[in-house]
């Protein structure tokens, strides 16, 4: 007769004190559980998470926060692994977080990236965390911002925030990091015309990857074209002119120049007095984003609004009433008169 399967012991629930002590000690298991806590949507978990975050906040804020995005096929996971292993090799502790609002539908490409980052994943001074497996951009971004507090309090002095979504996720990530990096492929041409102007406008650093072998000359030509394109756009920060670099993550060439530029960016902004102002502004904008998200959630969850919405959507789509009149009825049902 086969042996009965062993009963797995239930994990002990952690108090706020347990979370705080474990995170500050850099205990990886507690760090992972703390991030799971901030990702939870359960009201009781949210309350515990906020109490924990308030206590961790004084121990966070000293890390380099680097946002990374890239066009399809650019080799983003290879680049992140090359940069991460370069940094751990020079004494840094690196956390990789992701913002992927599409992961609930796609199954989460960042999980695939995590399995591909085998070298970085084995580094004791690296921590790779997929984005939540589902959720809106606002929910995933909230979890990522709060995860940044956790990993910084745990002693990680470089936080790489990857965006694997498209469009608005780039803007969201750019507003939670110190420097926003866009990875490009060699050979500008049609690609230069196809890239969204808005992404170039928020980029602090363009990095042309795969600049090796037959691609080296094309990468240099692309660098010149991107410099010209950036020159005519309004720069994201008045104290910093966006830079264009080439590198090869595959052969780990130029990675030190990329990191040197990240450090230079921080020095320039700190000298100009704009570094802390930028972070403070991000915090205030995040506060208002949280207010908007909570208000929308409360509105959509209101019983009277839920009952009214199907009727109003049908009336608007059928041309029986205007969107403005329908919006007023929804807000009145929510309790906002004359809104």
C-alpha atoms as a PDB file:
ATOM      1  CA  UNK A   1       0.000   0.000   0.000  1.00  0.00           C
ATOM      2  CA  UNK A   2       1.547   3.336  -1.022  1.00  0.00           C
ATOM      3  CA  UNK A   3       2.494   5.783   1.671  1.00  0.00           C
ATOM      4  CA  UNK A   4       0.046   8.620   2.223  1.00  0.00           C
ATOM      5  CA  UNK A   5       1.321  11.943   0.848  1.00  0.00           C
ATOM      6  CA  UNK A   6       3.063  14.060   3.409  1.00  0.00           C
ATOM      7  CA  UNK A   7       0.955  16.913   4.728  1.00  0.00           C
ATOM      8  CA  UNK A   8       2.671  20.209   4.050  1.00  0.00           C
ATOM      9  CA  UNK A   9       2.793  22.422   7.135  1.00  0.00           C
ATOM     10  CA  UNK A  10       0.907  25.682   6.763  1.00  0.00           C
ATOM     11  CA  UNK A  11       3.087  28.747   6.567  1.00  0.00           C
ATOM     12  CA  UNK A  12       2.998  30.769   9.738  1.00  0.00           C
ATOM     13  CA  UNK A  13       1.217  34.065   9.231  1.00  0.00           C
ATOM     14  CA  UNK A  14       3.508  37.032   9.773  1.00  0.00           C
ATOM     15  CA  UNK A  15       2.808  40.077  11.892  1.00  0.00           C
ATOM     16  CA  UNK A  16       3.755  43.576  10.791  1.00  0.00           C
ATOM     17  CA  UNK A  17       6.748  43.331  13.133  1.00  0.00           C
ATOM     18  CA  UNK A  18       7.788  40.053  11.465  1.00  0.00           C
ATOM     19  CA  UNK A  19       7.624  41.632   8.028  1.00  0.00           C
ATOM     20  CA  UNK A  20       9.565  44.736   9.049  1.00  0.00           C
ATOM     21  CA  UNK A  21      12.302  42.847  10.902  1.00  0.00           C
ATOM     22  CA  UNK A  22      12.659  40.246   8.125  1.00  0.00           C
ATOM     23  CA  UNK A  23      12.777  42.797   5.298  1.00  0.00           C
ATOM     24  CA  UNK A  24      15.312  45.007   7.082  1.00  0.00           C
ATOM     25  CA  UNK A  25      17.452  41.903   7.680  1.00  0.00           C
ATOM     26  CA  UNK A  26      17.315  41.154   3.948  1.00  0.00           C
ATOM     27  CA  UNK A  27      15.666  37.755   4.427  1.00  0.00           C
ATOM     28  CA  UNK A  28      14.681  36.815   0.885  1.00  0.00           C
ATOM     29  CA  UNK A  29      11.700  34.663   1.877  1.00  0.00           C
ATOM     30  CA  UNK A  30      10.237  37.506   3.931  1.00  0.00           C
ATOM     31  CA  UNK A  31      10.952  40.019   1.162  1.00  0.00           C
ATOM     32  CA  UNK A  32       9.047  37.797  -1.274  1.00  0.00           C
ATOM     33  CA  UNK A  33       6.121  37.437   1.148  1.00  0.00           C
ATOM     34  CA  UNK A  34       6.091  41.186   1.780  1.00  0.00           C
ATOM     35  CA  UNK A  35       5.760  41.817  -1.952  1.00  0.00           C
ATOM     36  CA  UNK A  36       2.971  39.230  -2.165  1.00  0.00           C
ATOM     37  CA  UNK A  37       1.263  41.167   0.636  1.00  0.00           C
ATOM     38  CA  UNK A  38       1.427  44.505  -1.196  1.00  0.00           C
ATOM     39  CA  UNK A  39       0.128  42.825  -4.370  1.00  0.00           C
ATOM     40  CA  UNK A  40      -2.953  41.485  -2.567  1.00  0.00           C
ATOM     41  CA  UNK A  41      -6.293  43.175  -3.182  1.00  0.00           C
ATOM     42  CA  UNK A  42      -7.872  41.902   0.026  1.00  0.00           C
ATOM     43  CA  UNK A  43      -8.791  44.829   2.342  1.00  0.00           C
ATOM     44  CA  UNK A  44      -7.213  43.172   5.406  1.00  0.00           C
ATOM     45  CA  UNK A  45      -3.967  42.589   3.511  1.00  0.00           C
ATOM     46  CA  UNK A  46      -3.981  46.154   2.181  1.00  0.00           C
ATOM     47  CA  UNK A  47      -4.268  47.491   5.733  1.00  0.00           C
ATOM     48  CA  UNK A  48      -1.382  45.336   6.963  1.00  0.00           C
ATOM     49  CA  UNK A  49       0.684  46.243   3.897  1.00  0.00           C
ATOM     50  CA  UNK A  50       0.239  49.982   4.441  1.00  0.00           C
ATOM     51  CA  UNK A  51       1.255  49.694   8.094  1.00  0.00           C
ATOM     52  CA  UNK A  52       4.351  47.759   7.021  1.00  0.00           C
ATOM     53  CA  UNK A  53       5.210  50.241   4.259  1.00  0.00           C
ATOM     54  CA  UNK A  54       4.974  53.241   6.600  1.00  0.00           C
ATOM     55  CA  UNK A  55       7.552  51.580   8.843  1.00  0.00           C
ATOM     56  CA  UNK A  56       9.806  50.598   5.938  1.00  0.00           C
ATOM     57  CA  UNK A  57       9.669  53.970   4.199  1.00  0.00           C
ATOM     58  CA  UNK A  58      12.442  55.637   6.283  1.00  0.00           C
ATOM     59  CA  UNK A  59      14.786  52.814   5.195  1.00  0.00           C
ATOM     60  CA  UNK A  60      14.002  53.199   1.461  1.00  0.00           C
ATOM     61  CA  UNK A  61      14.792  55.858  -1.112  1.00  0.00           C
ATOM     62  CA  UNK A  62      18.551  55.572  -1.505  1.00  0.00           C
ATOM     63  CA  UNK A  63      18.607  53.196  -4.472  1.00  0.00           C
ATOM     64  CA  UNK A  64      19.117  53.967  -8.151  1.00  0.00           C
ATOM     65  CA  UNK A  65      15.702  53.525  -9.790  1.00  0.00           C
ATOM     66  CA  UNK A  66      16.093  52.658 -13.466  1.00  0.00           C
ATOM     67  CA  UNK A  67      13.200  52.169 -15.873  1.00  0.00           C
ATOM     68  CA  UNK A  68      13.824  49.977 -18.925  1.00  0.00           C
ATOM     69  CA  UNK A  69      11.658  49.420 -21.989  1.00  0.00           C
ATOM     70  CA  UNK A  70      12.423  48.260 -25.512  1.00  0.00           C
ATOM     71  CA  UNK A  71      11.061  47.510 -28.936  1.00  0.00           C
ATOM     72  CA  UNK A  72      10.155  43.874 -29.714  1.00  0.00           C
ATOM     73  CA  UNK A  73      13.184  41.678 -30.385  1.00  0.00           C
ATOM     74  CA  UNK A  74      15.644  44.099 -28.838  1.00  0.00           C
ATOM     75  CA  UNK A  75      16.974  41.519 -26.361  1.00  0.00           C
ATOM     76  CA  UNK A  76      15.640  43.144 -23.229  1.00  0.00           C
ATOM     77  CA  UNK A  77      16.020  40.149 -20.901  1.00  0.00           C
ATOM     78  CA  UNK A  78      19.584  39.573 -22.180  1.00  0.00           C
ATOM     79  CA  UNK A  79      20.359  43.252 -21.560  1.00  0.00           C
ATOM     80  CA  UNK A  80      18.863  43.236 -18.065  1.00  0.00           C
ATOM     81  CA  UNK A  81      20.816  40.114 -17.180  1.00  0.00           C
ATOM     82  CA  UNK A  82      24.062  41.599 -18.545  1.00  0.00           C
ATOM     83  CA  UNK A  83      23.523  44.866 -16.656  1.00  0.00           C
ATOM     84  CA  UNK A  84      22.434  43.060 -13.490  1.00  0.00           C
ATOM     85  CA  UNK A  85      25.407  40.680 -13.410  1.00  0.00           C
ATOM     86  CA  UNK A  86      27.764  43.608 -14.147  1.00  0.00           C
ATOM     87  CA  UNK A  87      26.326  45.438 -11.138  1.00  0.00           C
ATOM     88  CA  UNK A  88      26.390  42.481  -8.745  1.00  0.00           C
ATOM     89  CA  UNK A  89      29.961  41.860  -9.883  1.00  0.00           C
ATOM     90  CA  UNK A  90      30.899  45.367  -8.738  1.00  0.00           C
ATOM     91  CA  UNK A  91      29.266  45.030  -5.317  1.00  0.00           C
ATOM     92  CA  UNK A  92      25.720  46.243  -5.971  1.00  0.00           C
ATOM     93  CA  UNK A  93      22.525  44.500  -4.886  1.00  0.00           C
ATOM     94  CA  UNK A  94      20.023  44.447  -7.748  1.00  0.00           C
ATOM     95  CA  UNK A  95      16.255  43.965  -7.744  1.00  0.00           C
ATOM     96  CA  UNK A  96      14.349  43.485 -11.019  1.00  0.00           C
ATOM     97  CA  UNK A  97      10.645  44.336 -10.984  1.00  0.00           C
ATOM     98  CA  UNK A  98       8.169  44.343 -13.857  1.00  0.00           C
ATOM     99  CA  UNK A  99       5.138  46.346 -14.909  1.00  0.00           C
ATOM    100  CA  UNK A 100       3.048  44.144 -17.199  1.00  0.00           C
ATOM    101  CA  UNK A 101      -0.660  45.031 -17.365  1.00  0.00           C
ATOM    102  CA  UNK A 102      -1.136  42.398 -20.087  1.00  0.00           C
ATOM    103  CA  UNK A 103       0.140  39.447 -18.065  1.00  0.00           C
ATOM    104  CA  UNK A 104      -3.329  38.409 -16.894  1.00  0.00           C
ATOM    105  CA  UNK A 105      -4.291  37.689 -20.497  1.00  0.00           C
ATOM    106  CA  UNK A 106      -0.981  36.551 -21.952  1.00  0.00           C
ATOM    107  CA  UNK A 107       0.251  34.362 -19.126  1.00  0.00           C
ATOM    108  CA  UNK A 108       3.008  36.814 -18.276  1.00  0.00           C
ATOM    109  CA  UNK A 109       6.063  37.090 -20.481  1.00  0.00           C
ATOM    110  CA  UNK A 110       8.158  38.294 -17.556  1.00  0.00           C
ATOM    111  CA  UNK A 111       7.972  34.805 -16.062  1.00  0.00           C
ATOM    112  CA  UNK A 112       9.658  33.566 -19.219  1.00  0.00           C
ATOM    113  CA  UNK A 113      12.256  36.308 -18.843  1.00  0.00           C
ATOM    114  CA  UNK A 114      12.913  35.185 -15.294  1.00  0.00           C
ATOM    115  CA  UNK A 115      13.673  31.653 -16.419  1.00  0.00           C
ATOM    116  CA  UNK A 116      15.959  32.995 -19.157  1.00  0.00           C
ATOM    117  CA  UNK A 117      17.921  35.168 -16.729  1.00  0.00           C
ATOM    118  CA  UNK A 118      19.616  32.083 -15.345  1.00  0.00           C
ATOM    119  CA  UNK A 119      22.915  33.739 -14.403  1.00  0.00           C
ATOM    120  CA  UNK A 120      21.319  36.719 -12.694  1.00  0.00           C
ATOM    121  CA  UNK A 121      18.704  34.525 -11.026  1.00  0.00           C
ATOM    122  CA  UNK A 122      21.475  32.541  -9.308  1.00  0.00           C
ATOM    123  CA  UNK A 123      23.235  35.648  -7.983  1.00  0.00           C
ATOM    124  CA  UNK A 124      22.854  35.931  -4.194  1.00  0.00           C
ATOM    125  CA  UNK A 125      22.778  39.730  -4.560  1.00  0.00           C
ATOM    126  CA  UNK A 126      19.983  39.748  -7.151  1.00  0.00           C
ATOM    127  CA  UNK A 127      16.218  39.452  -6.738  1.00  0.00           C
ATOM    128  CA  UNK A 128      13.887  39.011  -9.730  1.00  0.00           C
ATOM    129  CA  UNK A 129      10.170  39.492  -9.236  1.00  0.00           C
ATOM    130  CA  UNK A 130       7.492  39.018 -11.914  1.00  0.00           C
ATOM    131  CA  UNK A 131       4.642  41.498 -12.051  1.00  0.00           C
ATOM    132  CA  UNK A 132       1.286  40.454 -10.565  1.00  0.00           C
ATOM    133  CA  UNK A 133      -0.331  37.747 -12.677  1.00  0.00           C
ATOM    134  CA  UNK A 134      -3.370  39.875 -13.436  1.00  0.00           C
ATOM    135  CA  UNK A 135      -4.713  43.356 -13.031  1.00  0.00           C
ATOM    136  CA  UNK A 136      -5.130  46.785 -14.512  1.00  0.00           C
ATOM    137  CA  UNK A 137      -2.163  49.029 -15.191  1.00  0.00           C
ATOM    138  CA  UNK A 138      -3.067  51.068 -12.111  1.00  0.00           C
ATOM    139  CA  UNK A 139      -3.126  47.991  -9.872  1.00  0.00           C
ATOM    140  CA  UNK A 140       0.114  46.560 -11.242  1.00  0.00           C
ATOM    141  CA  UNK A 141       1.826  49.964 -11.011  1.00  0.00           C
ATOM    142  CA  UNK A 142       0.702  50.376  -7.399  1.00  0.00           C
ATOM    143  CA  UNK A 143       2.122  46.970  -6.525  1.00  0.00           C
ATOM    144  CA  UNK A 144       5.393  47.808  -8.287  1.00  0.00           C
ATOM    145  CA  UNK A 145       5.805  51.161  -6.529  1.00  0.00           C
ATOM    146  CA  UNK A 146       5.187  49.565  -3.162  1.00  0.00           C
ATOM    147  CA  UNK A 147       7.486  46.650  -4.017  1.00  0.00           C
ATOM    148  CA  UNK A 148      10.227  49.228  -4.645  1.00  0.00           C
ATOM    149  CA  UNK A 149       9.907  50.382  -1.035  1.00  0.00           C
ATOM    150  CA  UNK A 150      10.238  46.770   0.156  1.00  0.00           C
ATOM    151  CA  UNK A 151      13.341  45.882  -1.880  1.00  0.00           C
ATOM    152  CA  UNK A 152      15.060  49.191  -1.107  1.00  0.00           C
ATOM    153  CA  UNK A 153      14.431  48.709   2.613  1.00  0.00           C
ATOM    154  CA  UNK A 154      15.894  45.196   2.219  1.00  0.00           C
ATOM    155  CA  UNK A 155      19.172  46.740   1.036  1.00  0.00           C
ATOM    156  CA  UNK A 156      18.935  46.520  -2.751  1.00  0.00           C
ATOM    157  CA  UNK A 157      20.675  49.642  -4.023  1.00  0.00           C
ATOM    158  CA  UNK A 158      19.679  49.284  -7.702  1.00  0.00           C
ATOM    159  CA  UNK A 159      16.073  48.690  -8.762  1.00  0.00           C
ATOM    160  CA  UNK A 160      15.496  47.887 -12.439  1.00  0.00           C
ATOM    161  CA  UNK A 161      11.840  48.401 -13.362  1.00  0.00           C
ATOM    162  CA  UNK A 162      10.971  46.737 -16.648  1.00  0.00           C
ATOM    163  CA  UNK A 163       7.889  47.595 -18.648  1.00  0.00           C
ATOM    164  CA  UNK A 164       6.701  44.778 -20.873  1.00  0.00           C
ATOM    165  CA  UNK A 165       3.365  46.362 -21.719  1.00  0.00           C
ATOM    166  CA  UNK A 166       2.846  48.994 -24.380  1.00  0.00           C
ATOM    167  CA  UNK A 167       1.764  52.615 -24.522  1.00  0.00           C
ATOM    168  CA  UNK A 168       0.696  53.998 -21.173  1.00  0.00           C
ATOM    169  CA  UNK A 169       2.824  51.551 -19.172  1.00  0.00           C
ATOM    170  CA  UNK A 170       5.992  53.297 -20.418  1.00  0.00           C
ATOM    171  CA  UNK A 171       4.707  56.661 -19.176  1.00  0.00           C
ATOM    172  CA  UNK A 172       3.719  55.086 -15.852  1.00  0.00           C
ATOM    173  CA  UNK A 173       7.161  53.525 -15.346  1.00  0.00           C
ATOM    174  CA  UNK A 174       8.947  56.738 -16.362  1.00  0.00           C
ATOM    175  CA  UNK A 175       7.126  58.492 -13.523  1.00  0.00           C
ATOM    176  CA  UNK A 176       8.301  56.055 -10.861  1.00  0.00           C
ATOM    177  CA  UNK A 177      12.040  55.945 -11.683  1.00  0.00           C
ATOM    178  CA  UNK A 178      15.010  58.310 -11.681  1.00  0.00           C
ATOM    179  CA  UNK A 179      16.126  57.557 -15.240  1.00  0.00           C
ATOM    180  CA  UNK A 180      14.130  56.015 -18.094  1.00  0.00           C
ATOM    181  CA  UNK A 181      16.036  53.933 -20.630  1.00  0.00           C
ATOM    182  CA  UNK A 182      14.733  52.842 -24.051  1.00  0.00           C
ATOM    183  CA  UNK A 183      16.462  49.940 -25.818  1.00  0.00           C
ATOM    184  CA  UNK A 184      16.584  50.095 -29.617  1.00  0.00           C
ATOM    185  CA  UNK A 185      17.786  47.878 -32.455  1.00  0.00           C
ATOM    186  CA  UNK A 186      20.596  48.788 -34.871  1.00  0.00           C
ATOM    187  CA  UNK A 187      19.449  50.433 -38.088  1.00  0.00           C
ATOM    188  CA  UNK A 188      17.130  53.391 -37.593  1.00  0.00           C
ATOM    189  CA  UNK A 189      15.440  54.087 -40.950  1.00  0.00           C
ATOM    190  CA  UNK A 190      11.830  52.943 -40.916  1.00  0.00           C
ATOM    191  CA  UNK A 191      12.089  52.075 -37.240  1.00  0.00           C
ATOM    192  CA  UNK A 192      12.868  55.693 -36.352  1.00  0.00           C
ATOM    193  CA  UNK A 193       9.693  56.761 -38.099  1.00  0.00           C
ATOM    194  CA  UNK A 194       7.655  53.964 -36.541  1.00  0.00           C
ATOM    195  CA  UNK A 195       8.634  54.541 -32.896  1.00  0.00           C
ATOM    196  CA  UNK A 196       6.196  56.568 -30.897  1.00  0.00           C
ATOM    197  CA  UNK A 197       7.313  60.147 -30.524  1.00  0.00           C
ATOM    198  CA  UNK A 198       5.937  60.108 -26.981  1.00  0.00           C
ATOM    199  CA  UNK A 199       8.394  57.399 -25.922  1.00  0.00           C
ATOM    200  CA  UNK A 200      11.352  59.403 -27.222  1.00  0.00           C
ATOM    201  CA  UNK A 201      10.096  62.462 -25.366  1.00  0.00           C
ATOM    202  CA  UNK A 202      10.234  60.695 -21.987  1.00  0.00           C
ATOM    203  CA  UNK A 203      13.548  58.884 -22.619  1.00  0.00           C
ATOM    204  CA  UNK A 204      16.598  59.974 -20.635  1.00  0.00           C
ATOM    205  CA  UNK A 205      18.821  57.416 -22.346  1.00  0.00           C
ATOM    206  CA  UNK A 206      18.563  55.530 -25.643  1.00  0.00           C
ATOM    207  CA  UNK A 207      20.646  52.358 -25.818  1.00  0.00           C
ATOM    208  CA  UNK A 208      21.131  50.631 -29.157  1.00  0.00           C
ATOM    209  CA  UNK A 209      21.645  46.971 -28.332  1.00  0.00           C
ATOM    210  CA  UNK A 210      23.087  44.185 -30.520  1.00  0.00           C
ATOM    211  CA  UNK A 211      25.876  46.514 -31.695  1.00  0.00           C
ATOM    212  CA  UNK A 212      28.236  43.659 -32.534  1.00  0.00           C
ATOM    213  CA  UNK A 213      29.525  41.861 -35.623  1.00  0.00           C
ATOM    214  CA  UNK A 214      27.911  43.088 -38.834  1.00  0.00           C
ATOM    215  CA  UNK A 215      25.616  45.333 -36.821  1.00  0.00           C
ATOM    216  CA  UNK A 216      28.338  47.629 -35.451  1.00  0.00           C
ATOM    217  CA  UNK A 217      28.290  50.106 -38.352  1.00  0.00           C
ATOM    218  CA  UNK A 218      24.499  50.100 -38.516  1.00  0.00           C
ATOM    219  CA  UNK A 219      24.344  50.759 -34.783  1.00  0.00           C
ATOM    220  CA  UNK A 220      26.652  53.764 -35.115  1.00  0.00           C
ATOM    221  CA  UNK A 221      24.543  55.172 -37.955  1.00  0.00           C
ATOM    222  CA  UNK A 222      21.402  54.597 -35.894  1.00  0.00           C
ATOM    223  CA  UNK A 223      23.001  56.399 -32.948  1.00  0.00           C
ATOM    224  CA  UNK A 224      23.654  59.462 -35.113  1.00  0.00           C
ATOM    225  CA  UNK A 225      20.071  59.448 -36.398  1.00  0.00           C
ATOM    226  CA  UNK A 226      18.587  59.114 -32.940  1.00  0.00           C
ATOM    227  CA  UNK A 227      20.761  61.954 -31.645  1.00  0.00           C
ATOM    228  CA  UNK A 228      19.387  64.108 -34.426  1.00  0.00           C
ATOM    229  CA  UNK A 229      15.812  63.075 -33.607  1.00  0.00           C
ATOM    230  CA  UNK A 230      16.259  63.785 -29.896  1.00  0.00           C
ATOM    231  CA  UNK A 231      17.785  67.180 -30.666  1.00  0.00           C
ATOM    232  CA  UNK A 232      14.520  68.479 -32.128  1.00  0.00           C
ATOM    233  CA  UNK A 233      12.315  67.104 -29.352  1.00  0.00           C
ATOM    234  CA  UNK A 234      11.683  68.811 -26.048  1.00  0.00           C
ATOM    235  CA  UNK A 235      13.803  67.026 -23.453  1.00  0.00           C
ATOM    236  CA  UNK A 236      12.079  65.416 -20.491  1.00  0.00           C
ATOM    237  CA  UNK A 237      14.299  67.144 -17.919  1.00  0.00           C
ATOM    238  CA  UNK A 238      15.669  70.694 -18.308  1.00  0.00           C
ATOM    239  CA  UNK A 239      18.836  69.669 -16.443  1.00  0.00           C
ATOM    240  CA  UNK A 240      19.646  66.662 -18.644  1.00  0.00           C
ATOM    241  CA  UNK A 241      20.127  66.204 -22.369  1.00  0.00           C
ATOM    242  CA  UNK A 242      19.176  62.629 -23.362  1.00  0.00           C
ATOM    243  CA  UNK A 243      22.135  60.455 -24.347  1.00  0.00           C
ATOM    244  CA  UNK A 244      22.460  57.805 -27.037  1.00  0.00           C
ATOM    245  CA  UNK A 245      24.769  54.817 -26.473  1.00  0.00           C
ATOM    246  CA  UNK A 246      25.498  51.537 -28.252  1.00  0.00           C
ATOM    247  CA  UNK A 247      26.174  48.216 -26.578  1.00  0.00           C
ATOM    248  CA  UNK A 248      26.060  44.464 -27.027  1.00  0.00           C
ATOM    249  CA  UNK A 249      24.414  42.678 -24.134  1.00  0.00           C
ATOM    250  CA  UNK A 250      25.300  39.333 -25.732  1.00  0.00           C
ATOM    251  CA  UNK A 251      29.062  39.897 -25.499  1.00  0.00           C
ATOM    252  CA  UNK A 252      28.711  42.305 -22.552  1.00  0.00           C
ATOM    253  CA  UNK A 253      30.303  45.204 -24.401  1.00  0.00           C
ATOM    254  CA  UNK A 254      29.383  48.774 -23.497  1.00  0.00           C
ATOM    255  CA  UNK A 255      27.413  47.765 -20.405  1.00  0.00           C
ATOM    256  CA  UNK A 256      29.807  49.682 -18.140  1.00  0.00           C
ATOM    257  CA  UNK A 257      29.231  52.827 -20.256  1.00  0.00           C
ATOM    258  CA  UNK A 258      25.481  52.432 -19.813  1.00  0.00           C
ATOM    259  CA  UNK A 259      25.826  52.209 -16.046  1.00  0.00           C
ATOM    260  CA  UNK A 260      28.319  55.079 -15.996  1.00  0.00           C
ATOM    261  CA  UNK A 261      25.711  57.236 -17.749  1.00  0.00           C
ATOM    262  CA  UNK A 262      23.066  56.242 -15.176  1.00  0.00           C
ATOM    263  CA  UNK A 263      25.406  57.399 -12.407  1.00  0.00           C
ATOM    264  CA  UNK A 264      26.257  60.583 -14.302  1.00  0.00           C
ATOM    265  CA  UNK A 265      22.552  61.364 -14.708  1.00  0.00           C
ATOM    266  CA  UNK A 266      22.057  61.175 -10.944  1.00  0.00           C
ATOM    267  CA  UNK A 267      25.116  63.342 -10.242  1.00  0.00           C
ATOM    268  CA  UNK A 268      23.924  65.999 -12.691  1.00  0.00           C
ATOM    269  CA  UNK A 269      20.403  66.125 -11.239  1.00  0.00           C
ATOM    270  CA  UNK A 270      21.666  66.157  -7.648  1.00  0.00           C
ATOM    271  CA  UNK A 271      24.075  68.998  -8.445  1.00  0.00           C
ATOM    272  CA  UNK A 272      21.229  70.958 -10.041  1.00  0.00           C
ATOM    273  CA  UNK A 273      18.992  70.312  -7.021  1.00  0.00           C
ATOM    274  CA  UNK A 274      16.343  68.665  -9.178  1.00  0.00           C
ATOM    275  CA  UNK A 275      16.798  65.032  -8.118  1.00  0.00           C
ATOM    276  CA  UNK A 276      14.863  65.294  -4.849  1.00  0.00           C
ATOM    277  CA  UNK A 277      12.298  67.614  -6.469  1.00  0.00           C
ATOM    278  CA  UNK A 278      11.683  64.987  -9.147  1.00  0.00           C
ATOM    279  CA  UNK A 279      11.130  62.239  -6.583  1.00  0.00           C
ATOM    280  CA  UNK A 280       8.908  64.459  -4.438  1.00  0.00           C
ATOM    281  CA  UNK A 281       6.802  65.345  -7.487  1.00  0.00           C
ATOM    282  CA  UNK A 282       6.460  61.657  -8.355  1.00  0.00           C
ATOM    283  CA  UNK A 283       5.180  60.914  -4.858  1.00  0.00           C
ATOM    284  CA  UNK A 284       2.547  63.670  -5.031  1.00  0.00           C
ATOM    285  CA  UNK A 285       1.370  62.561  -8.487  1.00  0.00           C
ATOM    286  CA  UNK A 286       1.212  58.996  -7.210  1.00  0.00           C
ATOM    287  CA  UNK A 287      -0.973  60.123  -4.306  1.00  0.00           C
ATOM    288  CA  UNK A 288      -3.483  61.643  -6.730  1.00  0.00           C
ATOM    289  CA  UNK A 289      -3.325  58.576  -8.972  1.00  0.00           C
ATOM    290  CA  UNK A 290      -4.238  56.467  -5.933  1.00  0.00           C
ATOM    291  CA  UNK A 291      -7.130  58.814  -5.153  1.00  0.00           C
ATOM    292  CA  UNK A 292      -8.444  58.504  -8.727  1.00  0.00           C
ATOM    293  CA  UNK A 293      -8.102  54.708  -8.702  1.00  0.00           C
ATOM    294  CA  UNK A 294      -9.916  54.413  -5.371  1.00  0.00           C
ATOM    295  CA  UNK A 295     -12.689  56.741  -6.526  1.00  0.00           C
ATOM    296  CA  UNK A 296     -13.200  54.801  -9.761  1.00  0.00           C
ATOM    297  CA  UNK A 297     -13.238  51.542  -7.804  1.00  0.00           C
ATOM    298  CA  UNK A 298     -15.808  52.915  -5.359  1.00  0.00           C
ATOM    299  CA  UNK A 299     -17.930  54.265  -8.222  1.00  0.00           C
ATOM    300  CA  UNK A 300     -17.916  51.003 -10.151  1.00  0.00           C
ATOM    301  CA  UNK A 301     -18.650  49.002  -7.001  1.00  0.00           C
ATOM    302  CA  UNK A 302     -21.591  51.168  -5.879  1.00  0.00           C
ATOM    303  CA  UNK A 303     -24.817  49.111  -5.954  1.00  0.00           C
ATOM    304  CA  UNK A 304     -27.033  51.884  -7.385  1.00  0.00           C
ATOM    305  CA  UNK A 305     -24.477  52.624 -10.104  1.00  0.00           C
ATOM    306  CA  UNK A 306     -24.184  48.944 -11.032  1.00  0.00           C
ATOM    307  CA  UNK A 307     -27.972  48.684 -11.387  1.00  0.00           C
ATOM    308  CA  UNK A 308     -28.133  51.781 -13.570  1.00  0.00           C
ATOM    309  CA  UNK A 309     -25.171  51.184 -15.900  1.00  0.00           C
ATOM    310  CA  UNK A 310     -26.690  48.557 -18.282  1.00  0.00           C
ATOM    311  CA  UNK A 311     -29.709  50.771 -18.970  1.00  0.00           C
ATOM    312  CA  UNK A 312     -27.581  53.879 -19.538  1.00  0.00           C
ATOM    313  CA  UNK A 313     -25.028  52.105 -21.739  1.00  0.00           C
ATOM    314  CA  UNK A 314     -27.874  50.819 -23.922  1.00  0.00           C
ATOM    315  CA  UNK A 315     -29.435  54.287 -24.094  1.00  0.00           C
ATOM    316  CA  UNK A 316     -26.130  55.946 -25.054  1.00  0.00           C
ATOM    317  CA  UNK A 317     -25.200  53.330 -27.654  1.00  0.00           C
ATOM    318  CA  UNK A 318     -28.737  53.508 -29.095  1.00  0.00           C
ATOM    319  CA  UNK A 319     -28.641  57.280 -29.404  1.00  0.00           C
ATOM    320  CA  UNK A 320     -31.493  57.766 -26.928  1.00  0.00           C
ATOM    321  CA  UNK A 321     -29.496  60.025 -24.618  1.00  0.00           C
ATOM    322  CA  UNK A 322     -26.156  61.837 -24.613  1.00  0.00           C
ATOM    323  CA  UNK A 323     -23.017  60.640 -22.804  1.00  0.00           C
ATOM    324  CA  UNK A 324     -23.098  63.830 -20.697  1.00  0.00           C
ATOM    325  CA  UNK A 325     -26.651  63.201 -19.460  1.00  0.00           C
ATOM    326  CA  UNK A 326     -25.821  59.544 -18.732  1.00  0.00           C
ATOM    327  CA  UNK A 327     -22.651  60.545 -16.864  1.00  0.00           C
ATOM    328  CA  UNK A 328     -24.646  62.966 -14.720  1.00  0.00           C
ATOM    329  CA  UNK A 329     -27.146  60.233 -13.816  1.00  0.00           C
ATOM    330  CA  UNK A 330     -24.299  57.865 -12.863  1.00  0.00           C
ATOM    331  CA  UNK A 331     -22.650  60.479 -10.639  1.00  0.00           C
ATOM    332  CA  UNK A 332     -26.003  61.381  -9.075  1.00  0.00           C
ATOM    333  CA  UNK A 333     -26.604  57.700  -8.293  1.00  0.00           C
ATOM    334  CA  UNK A 334     -23.154  57.655  -6.690  1.00  0.00           C
ATOM    335  CA  UNK A 335     -24.193  60.591  -4.498  1.00  0.00           C
ATOM    336  CA  UNK A 336     -22.512  63.477  -6.334  1.00  0.00           C
ATOM    337  CA  UNK A 337     -25.116  66.117  -7.121  1.00  0.00           C
ATOM    338  CA  UNK A 338     -24.379  68.773  -9.750  1.00  0.00           C
ATOM    339  CA  UNK A 339     -21.024  67.119 -10.560  1.00  0.00           C
END
